[in-house]
Amino acid sequence: MPDAGSGSDVSDIQDALHGAYGVYVNTDSHGLGEQREVFLGMRIFEVAKRIKTLRHYVYSNLEYGFKVRTR
């Protein structure tokens, strides 16, 4: 179970979105791990869809920088 306020606690995210007009969601695969990032991104979207006041939703993620190699 994640720590309260950790950014991966979906109930805390739902509380934070309550009454919001717009939200910019940015996840980080380096900190969360790739599978957790995908799961959390989908869960945040599902929670956001239930917020009646939310009109703008922008999702982004940070690439795992160590996997990106320059040639």
PDB file of N, CA and C in Angstrom:
ATOM      1  N   MET A   1       0.844  -1.184   0.000  1.00  0.00           N
ATOM      2  CA  MET A   1       0.000   0.000   0.000  1.00  0.00           C
ATOM      3  C   MET A   1       0.884   1.240   0.000  1.00  0.00           C
ATOM      4  N   PRO A   2       0.616   2.187  -0.902  1.00  0.00           N
ATOM      5  CA  PRO A   2       1.437   3.393  -0.977  1.00  0.00           C
ATOM      6  C   PRO A   2       1.207   4.311   0.220  1.00  0.00           C
ATOM      7  N   ASP A   3       2.203   5.132   0.476  1.00  0.00           N
ATOM      8  CA  ASP A   3       2.078   6.128   1.541  1.00  0.00           C
ATOM      9  C   ASP A   3       1.081   7.191   1.116  1.00  0.00           C
ATOM     10  N   ALA A   4       0.311   7.693   2.081  1.00  0.00           N
ATOM     11  CA  ALA A   4      -0.648   8.759   1.797  1.00  0.00           C
ATOM     12  C   ALA A   4       0.091   9.967   1.234  1.00  0.00           C
ATOM     13  N   GLY A   5      -0.438  10.518   0.171  1.00  0.00           N
ATOM     14  CA  GLY A   5       0.180  11.687  -0.447  1.00  0.00           C
ATOM     15  C   GLY A   5       1.383  11.376  -1.297  1.00  0.00           C
ATOM     16  N   SER A   6       1.627  10.104  -1.598  1.00  0.00           N
ATOM     17  CA  SER A   6       2.819   9.722  -2.339  1.00  0.00           C
ATOM     18  C   SER A   6       2.709   9.993  -3.834  1.00  0.00           C
ATOM     19  N   GLY A   7       1.521  10.261  -4.331  1.00  0.00           N
ATOM     20  CA  GLY A   7       1.331  10.436  -5.759  1.00  0.00           C
ATOM     21  C   GLY A   7       0.927   9.149  -6.439  1.00  0.00           C
ATOM     22  N   SER A   8       0.997   8.040  -5.718  1.00  0.00           N
ATOM     23  CA  SER A   8       0.530   6.774  -6.284  1.00  0.00           C
ATOM     24  C   SER A   8      -0.631   6.210  -5.469  1.00  0.00           C
ATOM     25  N   ASP A   9      -1.127   6.995  -4.522  1.00  0.00           N
ATOM     26  CA  ASP A   9      -2.293   6.608  -3.740  1.00  0.00           C
ATOM     27  C   ASP A   9      -3.527   7.167  -4.448  1.00  0.00           C
ATOM     28  N   VAL A  10      -4.272   6.297  -5.110  1.00  0.00           N
ATOM     29  CA  VAL A  10      -5.382   6.727  -5.955  1.00  0.00           C
ATOM     30  C   VAL A  10      -6.455   7.457  -5.161  1.00  0.00           C
ATOM     31  N   SER A  11      -6.692   7.062  -3.917  1.00  0.00           N
ATOM     32  CA  SER A  11      -7.711   7.769  -3.125  1.00  0.00           C
ATOM     33  C   SER A  11      -7.276   9.210  -2.831  1.00  0.00           C
ATOM     34  N   ASP A  12      -5.988   9.436  -2.605  1.00  0.00           N
ATOM     35  CA  ASP A  12      -5.491  10.803  -2.412  1.00  0.00           C
ATOM     36  C   ASP A  12      -5.604  11.613  -3.702  1.00  0.00           C
ATOM     37  N   ILE A  13      -5.339  10.958  -4.829  1.00  0.00           N
ATOM     38  CA  ILE A  13      -5.455  11.636  -6.121  1.00  0.00           C
ATOM     39  C   ILE A  13      -6.904  12.027  -6.372  1.00  0.00           C
ATOM     40  N   GLN A  14      -7.821  11.131  -6.056  1.00  0.00           N
ATOM     41  CA  GLN A  14      -9.251  11.432  -6.211  1.00  0.00           C
ATOM     42  C   GLN A  14      -9.643  12.623  -5.348  1.00  0.00           C
ATOM     43  N   ASP A  15      -9.175  12.646  -4.109  1.00  0.00           N
ATOM     44  CA  ASP A  15      -9.462  13.783  -3.224  1.00  0.00           C
ATOM     45  C   ASP A  15      -8.898  15.082  -3.798  1.00  0.00           C
ATOM     46  N   ALA A  16      -7.697  15.016  -4.365  1.00  0.00           N
ATOM     47  CA  ALA A  16      -7.063  16.214  -4.919  1.00  0.00           C
ATOM     48  C   ALA A  16      -7.804  16.727  -6.156  1.00  0.00           C
ATOM     49  N   LEU A  17      -8.391  15.826  -6.922  1.00  0.00           N
ATOM     50  CA  LEU A  17      -9.112  16.218  -8.136  1.00  0.00           C
ATOM     51  C   LEU A  17     -10.511  16.748  -7.850  1.00  0.00           C
ATOM     52  N   HIS A  18     -11.043  16.464  -6.685  1.00  0.00           N
ATOM     53  CA  HIS A  18     -12.399  16.869  -6.347  1.00  0.00           C
ATOM     54  C   HIS A  18     -12.560  18.385  -6.505  1.00  0.00           C
ATOM     55  N   GLY A  19     -13.473  18.787  -7.368  1.00  0.00           N
ATOM     56  CA  GLY A  19     -13.739  20.208  -7.585  1.00  0.00           C
ATOM     57  C   GLY A  19     -12.824  20.881  -8.593  1.00  0.00           C
ATOM     58  N   ALA A  20     -11.860  20.144  -9.145  1.00  0.00           N
ATOM     59  CA  ALA A  20     -10.913  20.738 -10.096  1.00  0.00           C
ATOM     60  C   ALA A  20     -11.571  20.962 -11.450  1.00  0.00           C
ATOM     61  N   TYR A  21     -11.145  22.006 -12.139  1.00  0.00           N
ATOM     62  CA  TYR A  21     -11.621  22.298 -13.484  1.00  0.00           C
ATOM     63  C   TYR A  21     -10.726  21.626 -14.527  1.00  0.00           C
ATOM     64  N   GLY A  22      -9.421  21.586 -14.246  1.00  0.00           N
ATOM     65  CA  GLY A  22      -8.461  20.988 -15.165  1.00  0.00           C
ATOM     66  C   GLY A  22      -7.323  20.353 -14.401  1.00  0.00           C
ATOM     67  N   VAL A  23      -6.654  19.410 -15.063  1.00  0.00           N
ATOM     68  CA  VAL A  23      -5.536  18.733 -14.416  1.00  0.00           C
ATOM     69  C   VAL A  23      -4.488  18.373 -15.466  1.00  0.00           C
ATOM     70  N   TYR A  24      -3.240  18.510 -15.094  1.00  0.00           N
ATOM     71  CA  TYR A  24      -2.104  18.078 -15.901  1.00  0.00           C
ATOM     72  C   TYR A  24      -1.441  16.940 -15.140  1.00  0.00           C
ATOM     73  N   VAL A  25      -1.486  15.745 -15.685  1.00  0.00           N
ATOM     74  CA  VAL A  25      -0.941  14.554 -15.028  1.00  0.00           C
ATOM     75  C   VAL A  25       0.377  14.209 -15.697  1.00  0.00           C
ATOM     76  N   ASN A  26       1.431  14.070 -14.918  1.00  0.00           N
ATOM     77  CA  ASN A  26       2.740  13.712 -15.449  1.00  0.00           C
ATOM     78  C   ASN A  26       3.310  12.595 -14.591  1.00  0.00           C
ATOM     79  N   THR A  27       3.484  11.422 -15.170  1.00  0.00           N
ATOM     80  CA  THR A  27       4.019  10.280 -14.442  1.00  0.00           C
ATOM     81  C   THR A  27       5.464  10.043 -14.846  1.00  0.00           C
ATOM     82  N   ASP A  28       6.173   9.281 -14.033  1.00  0.00           N
ATOM     83  CA  ASP A  28       7.605   9.065 -14.221  1.00  0.00           C
ATOM     84  C   ASP A  28       7.915   7.577 -14.109  1.00  0.00           C
ATOM     85  N   SER A  29       8.275   6.952 -15.225  1.00  0.00           N
ATOM     86  CA  SER A  29       8.552   5.513 -15.198  1.00  0.00           C
ATOM     87  C   SER A  29       9.814   5.185 -14.409  1.00  0.00           C
ATOM     88  N   HIS A  30      10.738   6.124 -14.331  1.00  0.00           N
ATOM     89  CA  HIS A  30      11.965   5.873 -13.561  1.00  0.00           C
ATOM     90  C   HIS A  30      11.649   5.712 -12.076  1.00  0.00           C
ATOM     91  N   GLY A  31      10.763   6.538 -11.575  1.00  0.00           N
ATOM     92  CA  GLY A  31      10.414   6.474 -10.158  1.00  0.00           C
ATOM     93  C   GLY A  31       9.390   5.402  -9.833  1.00  0.00           C
ATOM     94  N   LEU A  32       8.508   5.117 -10.775  1.00  0.00           N
ATOM     95  CA  LEU A  32       7.415   4.175 -10.529  1.00  0.00           C
ATOM     96  C   LEU A  32       7.669   2.784 -11.102  1.00  0.00           C
ATOM     97  N   GLY A  33       8.458   2.701 -12.141  1.00  0.00           N
ATOM     98  CA  GLY A  33       8.579   1.462 -12.903  1.00  0.00           C
ATOM     99  C   GLY A  33       7.578   1.510 -14.038  1.00  0.00           C
ATOM    100  N   GLU A  34       7.909   0.887 -15.151  1.00  0.00           N
ATOM    101  CA  GLU A  34       7.082   1.002 -16.344  1.00  0.00           C
ATOM    102  C   GLU A  34       5.672   0.451 -16.151  1.00  0.00           C
ATOM    103  N   GLN A  35       5.542  -0.729 -15.563  1.00  0.00           N
ATOM    104  CA  GLN A  35       4.211  -1.319 -15.378  1.00  0.00           C
ATOM    105  C   GLN A  35       3.355  -0.478 -14.446  1.00  0.00           C
ATOM    106  N   ARG A  36       3.935  -0.032 -13.350  1.00  0.00           N
ATOM    107  CA  ARG A  36       3.193   0.787 -12.380  1.00  0.00           C
ATOM    108  C   ARG A  36       2.776   2.117 -13.006  1.00  0.00           C
ATOM    109  N   GLU A  37       3.648   2.684 -13.835  1.00  0.00           N
ATOM    110  CA  GLU A  37       3.326   3.950 -14.483  1.00  0.00           C
ATOM    111  C   GLU A  37       2.109   3.798 -15.407  1.00  0.00           C
ATOM    112  N   VAL A  38       2.083   2.738 -16.202  1.00  0.00           N
ATOM    113  CA  VAL A  38       0.956   2.505 -17.110  1.00  0.00           C
ATOM    114  C   VAL A  38      -0.319   2.267 -16.305  1.00  0.00           C
ATOM    115  N   PHE A  39      -0.228   1.430 -15.284  1.00  0.00           N
ATOM    116  CA  PHE A  39      -1.392   1.150 -14.443  1.00  0.00           C
ATOM    117  C   PHE A  39      -1.905   2.424 -13.781  1.00  0.00           C
ATOM    118  N   LEU A  40      -1.001   3.189 -13.192  1.00  0.00           N
ATOM    119  CA  LEU A  40      -1.398   4.406 -12.492  1.00  0.00           C
ATOM    120  C   LEU A  40      -1.972   5.441 -13.462  1.00  0.00           C
ATOM    121  N   GLY A  41      -1.398   5.556 -14.651  1.00  0.00           N
ATOM    122  CA  GLY A  41      -1.933   6.473 -15.656  1.00  0.00           C
ATOM    123  C   GLY A  41      -3.376   6.145 -16.015  1.00  0.00           C
ATOM    124  N   MET A  42      -3.658   4.855 -16.167  1.00  0.00           N
ATOM    125  CA  MET A  42      -5.032   4.440 -16.484  1.00  0.00           C
ATOM    126  C   MET A  42      -5.965   4.674 -15.299  1.00  0.00           C
ATOM    127  N   ARG A  43      -5.516   4.376 -14.100  1.00  0.00           N
ATOM    128  CA  ARG A  43      -6.352   4.573 -12.907  1.00  0.00           C
ATOM    129  C   ARG A  43      -6.666   6.043 -12.688  1.00  0.00           C
ATOM    130  N   ILE A  44      -5.678   6.920 -12.866  1.00  0.00           N
ATOM    131  CA  ILE A  44      -5.922   8.352 -12.697  1.00  0.00           C
ATOM    132  C   ILE A  44      -6.952   8.826 -13.713  1.00  0.00           C
ATOM    133  N   PHE A  45      -6.862   8.347 -14.952  1.00  0.00           N
ATOM    134  CA  PHE A  45      -7.848   8.713 -15.971  1.00  0.00           C
ATOM    135  C   PHE A  45      -9.237   8.233 -15.576  1.00  0.00           C
ATOM    136  N   GLU A  46      -9.341   6.998 -15.093  1.00  0.00           N
ATOM    137  CA  GLU A  46     -10.638   6.466 -14.670  1.00  0.00           C
ATOM    138  C   GLU A  46     -11.247   7.293 -13.546  1.00  0.00           C
ATOM    139  N   VAL A  47     -10.410   7.684 -12.589  1.00  0.00           N
ATOM    140  CA  VAL A  47     -10.878   8.519 -11.472  1.00  0.00           C
ATOM    141  C   VAL A  47     -11.294   9.894 -11.995  1.00  0.00           C
ATOM    142  N   ALA A  48     -10.497  10.465 -12.888  1.00  0.00           N
ATOM    143  CA  ALA A  48     -10.782  11.801 -13.420  1.00  0.00           C
ATOM    144  C   ALA A  48     -12.108  11.825 -14.184  1.00  0.00           C
ATOM    145  N   LYS A  49     -12.439  10.752 -14.880  1.00  0.00           N
ATOM    146  CA  LYS A  49     -13.696  10.695 -15.629  1.00  0.00           C
ATOM    147  C   LYS A  49     -14.909  10.835 -14.719  1.00  0.00           C
ATOM    148  N   ARG A  50     -14.774  10.476 -13.448  1.00  0.00           N
ATOM    149  CA  ARG A  50     -15.890  10.553 -12.501  1.00  0.00           C
ATOM    150  C   ARG A  50     -16.044  11.926 -11.858  1.00  0.00           C
ATOM    151  N   ILE A  51     -15.065  12.800 -12.041  1.00  0.00           N
ATOM    152  CA  ILE A  51     -15.113  14.135 -11.438  1.00  0.00           C
ATOM    153  C   ILE A  51     -15.965  15.023 -12.332  1.00  0.00           C
ATOM    154  N   LYS A  52     -17.116  15.427 -11.847  1.00  0.00           N
ATOM    155  CA  LYS A  52     -18.098  16.169 -12.652  1.00  0.00           C
ATOM    156  C   LYS A  52     -17.608  17.558 -13.061  1.00  0.00           C
ATOM    157  N   THR A  53     -16.745  18.186 -12.260  1.00  0.00           N
ATOM    158  CA  THR A  53     -16.286  19.541 -12.558  1.00  0.00           C
ATOM    159  C   THR A  53     -15.112  19.559 -13.537  1.00  0.00           C
ATOM    160  N   LEU A  54     -14.469  18.437 -13.762  1.00  0.00           N
ATOM    161  CA  LEU A  54     -13.253  18.368 -14.577  1.00  0.00           C
ATOM    162  C   LEU A  54     -13.582  18.490 -16.061  1.00  0.00           C
ATOM    163  N   ARG A  55     -13.003  19.493 -16.699  1.00  0.00           N
ATOM    164  CA  ARG A  55     -13.255  19.745 -18.119  1.00  0.00           C
ATOM    165  C   ARG A  55     -12.007  19.565 -18.978  1.00  0.00           C
ATOM    166  N   HIS A  56     -10.837  19.701 -18.400  1.00  0.00           N
ATOM    167  CA  HIS A  56      -9.585  19.579 -19.153  1.00  0.00           C
ATOM    168  C   HIS A  56      -8.674  18.567 -18.456  1.00  0.00           C
ATOM    169  N   TYR A  57      -8.186  17.621 -19.236  1.00  0.00           N
ATOM    170  CA  TYR A  57      -7.309  16.556 -18.718  1.00  0.00           C
ATOM    171  C   TYR A  57      -6.151  16.410 -19.703  1.00  0.00           C
ATOM    172  N   VAL A  58      -4.948  16.621 -19.218  1.00  0.00           N
ATOM    173  CA  VAL A  58      -3.752  16.476 -20.048  1.00  0.00           C
ATOM    174  C   VAL A  58      -2.854  15.453 -19.374  1.00  0.00           C
ATOM    175  N   TYR A  59      -2.436  14.444 -20.132  1.00  0.00           N
ATOM    176  CA  TYR A  59      -1.566  13.392 -19.587  1.00  0.00           C
ATOM    177  C   TYR A  59      -0.238  13.396 -20.324  1.00  0.00           C
ATOM    178  N   SER A  60       0.813  13.247 -19.573  1.00  0.00           N
ATOM    179  CA  SER A  60       2.147  13.138 -20.130  1.00  0.00           C
ATOM    180  C   SER A  60       2.942  12.189 -19.248  1.00  0.00           C
ATOM    181  N   ASN A  61       4.054  11.714 -19.771  1.00  0.00           N
ATOM    182  CA  ASN A  61       4.947  10.908 -18.948  1.00  0.00           C
ATOM    183  C   ASN A  61       6.387  11.275 -19.269  1.00  0.00           C
ATOM    184  N   LEU A  62       7.254  10.953 -18.352  1.00  0.00           N
ATOM    185  CA  LEU A  62       8.678  11.181 -18.564  1.00  0.00           C
ATOM    186  C   LEU A  62       9.282   9.895 -19.105  1.00  0.00           C
ATOM    187  N   GLU A  63      10.005  10.003 -20.189  1.00  0.00           N
ATOM    188  CA  GLU A  63      10.663   8.812 -20.704  1.00  0.00           C
ATOM    189  C   GLU A  63      11.733   8.367 -19.726  1.00  0.00           C
ATOM    190  N   TYR A  64      11.954   7.088 -19.732  1.00  0.00           N
ATOM    191  CA  TYR A  64      13.006   6.533 -18.888  1.00  0.00           C
ATOM    192  C   TYR A  64      14.334   6.906 -19.546  1.00  0.00           C
ATOM    193  N   GLY A  65      14.928   7.975 -19.095  1.00  0.00           N
ATOM    194  CA  GLY A  65      16.090   8.574 -19.732  1.00  0.00           C
ATOM    195  C   GLY A  65      17.276   7.655 -19.927  1.00  0.00           C
ATOM    196  N   PHE A  66      17.465   6.699 -19.049  1.00  0.00           N
ATOM    197  CA  PHE A  66      18.597   5.804 -19.185  1.00  0.00           C
ATOM    198  C   PHE A  66      18.409   4.818 -20.337  1.00  0.00           C
ATOM    199  N   LYS A  67      17.184   4.605 -20.787  1.00  0.00           N
ATOM    200  CA  LYS A  67      16.934   3.709 -21.904  1.00  0.00           C
ATOM    201  C   LYS A  67      17.079   4.419 -23.246  1.00  0.00           C
ATOM    202  N   VAL A  68      16.986   5.739 -23.228  1.00  0.00           N
ATOM    203  CA  VAL A  68      17.134   6.504 -24.461  1.00  0.00           C
ATOM    204  C   VAL A  68      18.622   6.702 -24.711  1.00  0.00           C
ATOM    205  N   ARG A  69      19.078   6.198 -25.813  1.00  0.00           N
ATOM    206  CA  ARG A  69      20.509   6.294 -26.121  1.00  0.00           C
ATOM    207  C   ARG A  69      20.707   7.126 -27.380  1.00  0.00           C
ATOM    208  N   THR A  70      21.659   7.969 -27.343  1.00  0.00           N
ATOM    209  CA  THR A  70      21.984   8.754 -28.533  1.00  0.00           C
ATOM    210  C   THR A  70      23.032   8.012 -29.342  1.00  0.00           C
ATOM    211  N   ARG A  71      23.002   8.192 -30.615  1.00  0.00           N
ATOM    212  CA  ARG A  71      23.955   7.498 -31.489  1.00  0.00           C
ATOM    213  C   ARG A  71      25.002   8.441 -31.976  1.00  0.00           C
TER     214      ARG A  71
END
